[in-house]
Amino acid sequence: MDALIADNVARATKANDIKQIVYLSGIIPKQEKTLSRHLKSRLEVERILGGQGVPVTTIRAGPIISPAESFPILAKLVKRLPTMILPR
């Protein structure tokens, strides 16, 4: 579904003479073999957006933790789950 939407957006930008696409993606590690399904999808969308010739600027953002929003959630998670196994 993401690929179809990205293709539609790429075609529409070209058809409407859009000069630049700004795409918010995730941080991609150097070894693409180890990507999660989510990050593989983000990378595929980025490549599709650039496939119609409109320049794409990709902003690679990681999670942002601020006291106002994400920090309380993270604090509760750490209290309830002091040990957690994460993928590499």
Protein backbone atom coordinates (compact mmCIF):
# COMPACT_ATOMS: atom_id res chain seq x y z
CA MET A 1 0.00 0.00 0.00
CA ASP A 2 2.82 2.44 0.90
CA ALA A 3 4.45 1.80 -2.49
CA LEU A 4 1.22 2.51 -4.35
CA ILE A 5 0.64 5.77 -2.48
CA ALA A 6 4.28 6.83 -2.96
CA ASP A 7 4.00 6.14 -6.69
CA ASN A 8 0.80 8.21 -6.91
CA VAL A 9 2.44 11.09 -5.03
CA ALA A 10 5.55 10.92 -7.23
CA ARG A 11 3.47 11.00 -10.42
CA ALA A 12 1.31 13.85 -9.11
CA THR A 13 4.35 15.94 -8.17
CA LYS A 14 5.80 15.52 -11.64
CA ALA A 15 2.48 16.24 -13.37
CA ASN A 16 1.99 19.41 -11.32
CA ASP A 17 5.51 20.73 -11.78
CA ILE A 18 6.45 20.43 -8.10
CA LYS A 19 10.11 21.40 -7.65
CA GLN A 20 11.02 19.44 -4.49
CA ILE A 21 9.70 16.66 -2.24
CA VAL A 22 10.62 16.68 1.46
CA TYR A 23 10.22 13.21 2.97
CA LEU A 24 10.42 12.41 6.68
CA SER A 25 11.94 8.96 7.11
CA GLY A 26 13.70 6.96 9.78
CA ILE A 27 17.38 6.49 10.51
CA ILE A 28 18.72 3.83 8.13
CA PRO A 29 21.76 1.82 9.28
CA LYS A 30 24.65 1.25 6.85
CA GLN A 31 23.84 -2.46 6.56
CA GLU A 32 20.47 -2.51 4.83
CA LYS A 33 20.22 -6.29 5.33
CA THR A 34 19.32 -5.75 9.00
CA LEU A 35 16.41 -3.36 8.43
CA SER A 36 13.06 -3.90 10.09
CA ARG A 37 10.01 -4.25 7.89
CA HIS A 38 9.03 -0.69 8.84
CA LEU A 39 12.38 0.81 7.81
CA LYS A 40 12.45 -1.26 4.60
CA SER A 41 9.10 0.28 3.73
CA ARG A 42 10.39 3.79 4.50
CA LEU A 43 13.42 3.25 2.24
CA GLU A 44 11.26 1.82 -0.54
CA VAL A 45 8.94 4.84 -0.37
CA GLU A 46 11.93 7.19 -0.54
CA ARG A 47 13.22 5.45 -3.67
CA ILE A 48 9.79 5.46 -5.32
CA LEU A 49 9.30 9.17 -4.60
CA GLY A 50 12.56 9.91 -6.39
CA GLY A 51 11.69 7.67 -9.33
CA GLN A 52 9.82 10.32 -11.33
CA GLY A 53 12.70 12.78 -11.46
CA VAL A 54 11.49 15.27 -8.84
CA PRO A 55 14.33 15.89 -6.34
CA VAL A 56 13.73 14.34 -2.91
CA THR A 57 15.19 15.68 0.33
CA THR A 58 14.98 13.02 3.02
CA ILE A 59 15.02 13.99 6.68
CA ARG A 60 16.09 11.00 8.77
CA ALA A 61 14.68 11.40 12.25
CA GLY A 62 14.92 9.19 15.29
CA PRO A 63 12.47 9.15 18.17
CA ILE A 64 12.37 12.40 20.10
CA ILE A 65 11.87 12.11 23.84
CA SER A 66 10.72 15.24 25.61
CA PRO A 67 9.51 15.71 29.17
CA ALA A 68 6.17 16.96 27.89
CA GLU A 69 5.15 13.90 25.89
CA SER A 70 7.27 10.80 25.51
CA PHE A 71 9.28 10.80 28.71
CA PRO A 72 6.41 9.82 31.07
CA ILE A 73 5.55 6.91 28.78
CA LEU A 74 9.18 5.78 28.72
CA ALA A 75 9.46 6.14 32.52
CA LYS A 76 6.39 3.93 33.06
CA LEU A 77 7.76 1.36 30.61
CA VAL A 78 11.10 1.21 32.42
CA LYS A 79 9.39 0.80 35.80
CA ARG A 80 7.16 -2.02 34.55
CA LEU A 81 9.71 -3.69 32.33
CA PRO A 82 13.19 -3.23 33.89
CA THR A 83 14.74 -5.81 31.54
CA MET A 84 13.89 -5.93 27.86
CA ILE A 85 15.45 -7.84 24.99
CA LEU A 86 15.74 -5.75 21.83
CA PRO A 87 16.78 -6.70 18.31
CA ARG A 88 20.23 -5.63 17.16
